N, C-alpha and C. Protein backbone atom coordinates (compact mmCIF):
# COMPACT_ATOMS: atom_id res chain seq x y z
N UNK A 1 -7.55 -4.41 -20.34
CA UNK A 1 -6.93 -3.20 -20.82
C UNK A 1 -6.13 -2.51 -19.72
N UNK A 2 -6.63 -2.55 -18.50
CA UNK A 2 -5.94 -1.90 -17.38
C UNK A 2 -4.57 -2.53 -17.15
N UNK A 3 -4.48 -3.86 -17.30
CA UNK A 3 -3.19 -4.53 -17.11
C UNK A 3 -2.18 -4.06 -18.15
N UNK A 4 -2.63 -3.90 -19.38
CA UNK A 4 -1.73 -3.44 -20.43
C UNK A 4 -1.30 -2.00 -20.16
N UNK A 5 -2.21 -1.16 -19.72
CA UNK A 5 -1.88 0.22 -19.40
C UNK A 5 -0.85 0.27 -18.27
N UNK A 6 -1.03 -0.55 -17.23
CA UNK A 6 -0.08 -0.63 -16.12
C UNK A 6 1.28 -1.09 -16.58
N UNK A 7 1.29 -2.06 -17.48
CA UNK A 7 2.55 -2.57 -18.01
C UNK A 7 3.29 -1.48 -18.78
N UNK A 8 2.55 -0.72 -19.58
CA UNK A 8 3.15 0.37 -20.34
C UNK A 8 3.71 1.43 -19.39
N UNK A 9 2.97 1.77 -18.35
CA UNK A 9 3.46 2.75 -17.37
C UNK A 9 4.71 2.24 -16.69
N UNK A 10 4.73 0.96 -16.35
CA UNK A 10 5.90 0.37 -15.69
C UNK A 10 7.10 0.38 -16.62
N UNK A 11 6.88 0.12 -17.89
CA UNK A 11 7.96 0.15 -18.86
C UNK A 11 8.57 1.54 -18.94
N UNK A 12 7.72 2.57 -18.94
CA UNK A 12 8.21 3.95 -18.98
C UNK A 12 9.01 4.26 -17.71
N UNK A 13 8.53 3.82 -16.58
CA UNK A 13 9.23 4.06 -15.32
C UNK A 13 10.57 3.35 -15.32
N UNK A 14 10.62 2.11 -15.79
CA UNK A 14 11.87 1.37 -15.78
C UNK A 14 12.91 1.99 -16.72
N UNK A 15 12.44 2.66 -17.76
CA UNK A 15 13.38 3.36 -18.64
C UNK A 15 13.93 4.61 -17.96
N UNK A 16 13.08 5.29 -17.20
CA UNK A 16 13.51 6.50 -16.51
C UNK A 16 14.42 6.18 -15.33
N UNK A 17 14.15 5.10 -14.67
CA UNK A 17 14.89 4.72 -13.46
C UNK A 17 15.41 3.29 -13.61
N UNK A 18 16.45 3.09 -14.40
CA UNK A 18 16.96 1.73 -14.58
C UNK A 18 17.48 1.16 -13.26
N UNK A 19 17.32 -0.13 -13.11
CA UNK A 19 17.79 -0.79 -11.89
C UNK A 19 19.31 -0.79 -11.84
N UNK A 20 19.88 -0.57 -10.66
CA UNK A 20 21.33 -0.62 -10.54
C UNK A 20 21.82 -2.06 -10.65
N UNK A 21 23.08 -2.21 -11.00
CA UNK A 21 23.65 -3.54 -11.03
C UNK A 21 23.78 -4.04 -9.61
N UNK A 22 23.44 -5.30 -9.41
CA UNK A 22 23.50 -5.89 -8.08
C UNK A 22 24.87 -6.50 -7.89
N UNK A 23 25.45 -6.24 -6.74
CA UNK A 23 26.76 -6.81 -6.42
C UNK A 23 26.63 -8.29 -6.14
N UNK A 24 27.60 -9.05 -6.59
CA UNK A 24 27.62 -10.48 -6.30
C UNK A 24 28.10 -10.73 -4.90
N UNK A 25 28.16 -11.99 -4.53
CA UNK A 25 28.63 -12.36 -3.19
C UNK A 25 30.03 -11.82 -2.96
N UNK A 26 30.20 -11.10 -1.86
CA UNK A 26 31.52 -10.63 -1.48
C UNK A 26 32.02 -9.44 -2.29
N UNK A 27 31.30 -9.04 -3.33
CA UNK A 27 31.75 -7.90 -4.13
C UNK A 27 31.00 -6.66 -3.68
N UNK A 28 31.40 -5.55 -4.23
CA UNK A 28 30.75 -4.29 -3.90
C UNK A 28 30.22 -3.65 -5.18
N UNK A 29 29.14 -2.91 -5.03
CA UNK A 29 28.56 -2.22 -6.17
C UNK A 29 29.42 -1.00 -6.50
N UNK A 30 29.04 -0.30 -7.57
CA UNK A 30 29.76 0.92 -7.95
C UNK A 30 29.70 1.95 -6.83
N UNK A 31 28.65 1.90 -6.01
CA UNK A 31 28.51 2.82 -4.88
C UNK A 31 29.36 2.39 -3.69
N UNK A 32 29.96 1.21 -3.78
CA UNK A 32 30.73 0.69 -2.66
C UNK A 32 29.88 -0.03 -1.63
N UNK A 33 28.64 -0.34 -2.00
CA UNK A 33 27.75 -1.02 -1.07
C UNK A 33 27.82 -2.53 -1.26
N UNK A 34 27.86 -3.23 -0.16
CA UNK A 34 27.87 -4.69 -0.21
C UNK A 34 26.48 -5.21 -0.56
N UNK A 35 26.41 -6.49 -0.88
CA UNK A 35 25.12 -7.13 -1.16
C UNK A 35 24.18 -6.96 0.02
N UNK A 36 24.71 -7.15 1.21
CA UNK A 36 23.92 -7.02 2.43
C UNK A 36 23.38 -5.59 2.58
N UNK A 37 24.23 -4.60 2.32
CA UNK A 37 23.79 -3.20 2.39
C UNK A 37 22.67 -2.94 1.40
N UNK A 38 22.82 -3.45 0.19
CA UNK A 38 21.81 -3.24 -0.84
C UNK A 38 20.49 -3.89 -0.46
N UNK A 39 20.56 -5.10 0.10
CA UNK A 39 19.34 -5.79 0.52
C UNK A 39 18.66 -5.08 1.68
N UNK A 40 19.44 -4.53 2.61
CA UNK A 40 18.85 -3.77 3.70
C UNK A 40 18.16 -2.51 3.17
N UNK A 41 18.76 -1.90 2.16
CA UNK A 41 18.14 -0.74 1.52
C UNK A 41 16.81 -1.13 0.87
N UNK A 42 16.81 -2.27 0.17
CA UNK A 42 15.57 -2.76 -0.43
C UNK A 42 14.50 -3.02 0.63
N UNK A 43 14.92 -3.56 1.76
CA UNK A 43 13.99 -3.82 2.86
C UNK A 43 13.37 -2.51 3.33
N UNK A 44 14.20 -1.48 3.49
CA UNK A 44 13.69 -0.18 3.91
C UNK A 44 12.69 0.39 2.89
N UNK A 45 13.02 0.24 1.60
CA UNK A 45 12.11 0.71 0.55
C UNK A 45 10.78 -0.03 0.61
N UNK A 46 10.84 -1.34 0.79
CA UNK A 46 9.62 -2.15 0.86
C UNK A 46 8.75 -1.69 2.04
N UNK A 47 9.40 -1.37 3.16
CA UNK A 47 8.65 -0.92 4.33
C UNK A 47 8.00 0.44 4.08
N UNK A 48 8.71 1.34 3.40
CA UNK A 48 8.13 2.64 3.06
C UNK A 48 6.94 2.47 2.11
N UNK A 49 7.09 1.59 1.12
CA UNK A 49 6.00 1.34 0.19
C UNK A 49 4.80 0.71 0.89
N UNK A 50 5.07 -0.14 1.87
CA UNK A 50 3.99 -0.76 2.66
C UNK A 50 3.19 0.31 3.39
N UNK A 51 3.87 1.30 3.95
CA UNK A 51 3.18 2.39 4.63
C UNK A 51 2.27 3.15 3.66
N UNK A 52 2.76 3.40 2.46
CA UNK A 52 1.95 4.08 1.45
C UNK A 52 0.73 3.24 1.10
N UNK A 53 0.95 1.93 0.90
CA UNK A 53 -0.17 1.03 0.58
C UNK A 53 -1.20 1.03 1.70
N UNK A 54 -0.72 1.00 2.96
CA UNK A 54 -1.65 1.07 4.10
C UNK A 54 -2.47 2.35 4.07
N UNK A 55 -1.80 3.47 3.82
CA UNK A 55 -2.49 4.77 3.79
C UNK A 55 -3.53 4.83 2.67
N UNK A 56 -3.31 4.09 1.60
CA UNK A 56 -4.25 4.07 0.48
C UNK A 56 -5.33 3.00 0.65
N UNK A 57 -5.24 2.24 1.73
CA UNK A 57 -6.23 1.20 1.98
C UNK A 57 -6.04 -0.06 1.16
N UNK A 58 -4.82 -0.28 0.68
CA UNK A 58 -4.51 -1.45 -0.15
C UNK A 58 -3.89 -2.54 0.72
N UNK A 59 -4.74 -3.26 1.44
CA UNK A 59 -4.24 -4.23 2.42
C UNK A 59 -3.50 -5.41 1.78
N UNK A 60 -3.95 -5.88 0.63
CA UNK A 60 -3.26 -6.99 -0.03
C UNK A 60 -1.88 -6.56 -0.48
N UNK A 61 -1.78 -5.39 -1.08
CA UNK A 61 -0.49 -4.87 -1.51
C UNK A 61 0.42 -4.67 -0.30
N UNK A 62 -0.12 -4.13 0.77
CA UNK A 62 0.66 -3.94 2.00
C UNK A 62 1.20 -5.27 2.52
N UNK A 63 0.36 -6.31 2.46
CA UNK A 63 0.79 -7.64 2.89
C UNK A 63 1.91 -8.20 2.04
N UNK A 64 1.82 -8.02 0.74
CA UNK A 64 2.86 -8.48 -0.17
C UNK A 64 4.17 -7.75 0.13
N UNK A 65 4.08 -6.47 0.41
CA UNK A 65 5.28 -5.68 0.72
C UNK A 65 5.90 -6.09 2.05
N UNK A 66 5.10 -6.54 3.01
CA UNK A 66 5.64 -7.07 4.26
C UNK A 66 6.45 -8.33 3.96
N UNK A 67 5.92 -9.19 3.10
CA UNK A 67 6.65 -10.40 2.71
C UNK A 67 7.97 -10.03 2.03
N UNK A 68 7.92 -9.04 1.14
CA UNK A 68 9.14 -8.58 0.45
C UNK A 68 10.15 -8.03 1.46
N UNK A 69 9.68 -7.28 2.43
CA UNK A 69 10.55 -6.74 3.48
C UNK A 69 11.25 -7.86 4.24
N UNK A 70 10.46 -8.83 4.67
CA UNK A 70 11.02 -9.95 5.45
C UNK A 70 12.02 -10.76 4.63
N UNK A 71 11.70 -10.99 3.38
CA UNK A 71 12.62 -11.74 2.51
C UNK A 71 13.92 -10.99 2.30
N UNK A 72 13.85 -9.69 2.12
CA UNK A 72 15.07 -8.88 1.96
C UNK A 72 15.93 -8.95 3.21
N UNK A 73 15.31 -8.91 4.39
CA UNK A 73 16.06 -9.01 5.64
C UNK A 73 16.71 -10.39 5.76
N UNK A 74 15.97 -11.44 5.44
CA UNK A 74 16.52 -12.81 5.49
C UNK A 74 17.71 -12.93 4.55
N UNK A 75 17.56 -12.43 3.32
CA UNK A 75 18.64 -12.52 2.35
C UNK A 75 19.85 -11.69 2.77
N UNK A 76 19.62 -10.55 3.41
CA UNK A 76 20.72 -9.68 3.86
C UNK A 76 21.53 -10.36 4.96
N UNK A 77 20.87 -11.19 5.77
CA UNK A 77 21.55 -11.87 6.86
C UNK A 77 22.25 -13.15 6.42
N UNK A 78 21.90 -13.61 5.23
CA UNK A 78 22.50 -14.82 4.67
C UNK A 78 23.91 -14.54 4.17
N UNK A 79 24.73 -15.52 4.19
CA UNK A 79 26.07 -15.37 3.61
C UNK A 79 26.46 -16.64 2.93
């Protein structure tokens, strides 16, 4: 039941905060941000979320967010 409740909460959040369109290779988003800029922003968000997870004592979640951070940095450096 908890998984279904979490899914419902996530659905509500995704409706309130829809994901922005991601820029393709070499293109820019509506904000004028390149793919690399957007990925670096995602990396920063992942790091902030990791800090929150650490403060809450959620070590597994914090570890997953470190992986997400590193992947975003790798993808941002790719061309």
